[in-house]
Protein backbone atom coordinates (compact mmCIF):
# COMPACT_ATOMS: atom_id res chain seq x y z
CA MET A 1 -23.09 -57.59 47.14
CA ARG A 2 -22.62 -53.66 47.22
CA LEU A 3 -23.01 -51.11 44.68
CA PHE A 4 -19.74 -49.13 43.85
CA HIS A 5 -20.58 -45.58 42.63
CA HIS A 6 -17.76 -43.37 41.92
CA THR A 7 -16.68 -41.24 39.13
CA ARG A 8 -13.22 -40.47 37.61
CA ASN A 9 -11.33 -42.94 39.91
CA THR A 10 -10.69 -45.83 37.70
CA ARG A 11 -6.96 -46.70 36.82
CA ASP A 12 -5.33 -49.63 34.92
CA ILE A 13 -8.62 -51.26 33.58
CA SER A 14 -8.43 -54.27 31.55
CA LEU A 15 -10.85 -57.03 30.63
CA GLY A 16 -9.68 -58.83 33.77
CA GLY A 17 -10.43 -55.96 36.08
CA MET A 18 -9.35 -52.68 37.19
CA ARG A 19 -7.62 -50.62 40.12
CA VAL A 20 -9.75 -47.86 41.47
CA PHE A 21 -9.39 -45.22 44.30
CA SER A 22 -12.00 -44.97 47.08
CA ASP A 23 -12.47 -43.15 50.30
CA GLU A 24 -14.24 -46.31 51.55
CA LEU A 25 -12.37 -49.59 52.51
CA PHE A 26 -13.67 -52.56 50.78
CA GLY A 27 -12.76 -56.13 52.29
CA VAL A 28 -10.91 -58.67 50.16
CA GLY A 29 -13.47 -61.07 48.63
CA GLU A 30 -16.29 -58.61 48.69
CA ARG A 31 -18.36 -58.49 45.72
CA LEU A 32 -19.41 -55.18 44.03
CA ASP A 33 -21.91 -54.31 41.39
CA LEU A 34 -20.27 -51.85 39.04
CA ASP A 35 -21.20 -49.56 36.10
CA VAL A 36 -18.09 -48.77 34.09
CA LEU A 37 -18.61 -45.49 32.20
CA LEU A 38 -17.37 -45.49 28.58
CA PRO A 39 -16.08 -42.35 26.70
CA ASP A 40 -19.22 -42.21 24.80
CA GLY A 41 -21.37 -41.62 27.95
CA SER A 42 -22.86 -45.33 28.09
CA ALA A 43 -22.17 -47.74 30.83
CA VAL A 44 -20.99 -51.36 31.05
CA ARG A 45 -22.39 -53.23 33.99
CA CYS A 46 -20.20 -55.79 35.58
CA TRP A 47 -19.61 -57.49 38.84
CA ALA A 48 -16.22 -57.68 40.52
CA GLU A 49 -14.43 -59.14 43.52
CA VAL A 50 -12.12 -57.25 45.69
CA VAL A 51 -8.76 -58.99 45.33
CA TRP A 52 -6.58 -56.42 47.39
CA ALA A 53 -6.92 -53.03 49.04
CA ARG A 54 -4.21 -50.77 50.46
CA PRO A 55 -4.00 -47.45 52.03
CA VAL A 56 -2.77 -44.53 49.75
CA ASP A 57 0.06 -42.68 51.15
CA GLY A 58 0.54 -38.87 51.17
CA ASP A 59 -1.89 -36.10 50.36
CA THR A 60 -4.23 -37.61 47.88
CA PRO A 61 -8.10 -37.19 47.21
CA ALA A 62 -8.83 -40.97 47.99
CA ARG A 63 -7.86 -43.07 51.14
CA TRP A 64 -7.66 -46.48 49.50
CA GLU A 65 -6.44 -48.13 46.36
CA VAL A 66 -8.43 -51.26 45.49
CA GLY A 67 -7.77 -54.07 43.09
CA LEU A 68 -10.94 -55.50 41.47
CA MET A 69 -11.30 -58.57 39.40
CA PHE A 70 -14.35 -58.86 37.02
CA THR A 71 -16.26 -62.02 37.82
CA ASP A 72 -19.40 -61.65 35.65
CA MET A 73 -20.08 -59.62 32.55
CA ASP A 74 -22.53 -59.88 29.75
CA PRO A 75 -20.55 -60.98 26.39
CA ALA A 76 -22.01 -57.88 24.63
CA ASP A 77 -20.61 -55.59 27.38
CA ILE A 78 -17.29 -57.45 27.29
CA GLN A 79 -17.03 -56.57 23.37
CA ARG A 80 -17.92 -52.93 24.15
CA LEU A 81 -15.41 -52.60 26.85
CA ALA A 82 -12.77 -54.42 24.44
CA SER A 83 -13.51 -52.08 21.75
CA VAL A 84 -12.60 -48.97 23.99
CA LEU A 85 -9.49 -50.64 25.53
CA ALA A 86 -8.15 -51.64 22.09
CA PRO A 87 -5.25 -49.60 20.92
CA ALA A 88 -6.25 -47.37 17.86
CA GLY A 89 -4.64 -48.70 14.83
């Protein structure tokens, strides 16, 4: 399992996983140890599996786009992440 530590590169996050941009290529099936930073500055610890990876075309700051599926997360952290993802209403 590898530690994935990058800031400001997460896109399309949900309770099921997220899409990230990276300069490093990760292999499908590889497991990563992640800290997802929340708007209040705290972090949610989770583990994820790489489900796809593809090169990014054009002049971009990252070389790879990577799809991650969350595989293990503490129930309290799931609630914290859900509260941030929930639409304001």
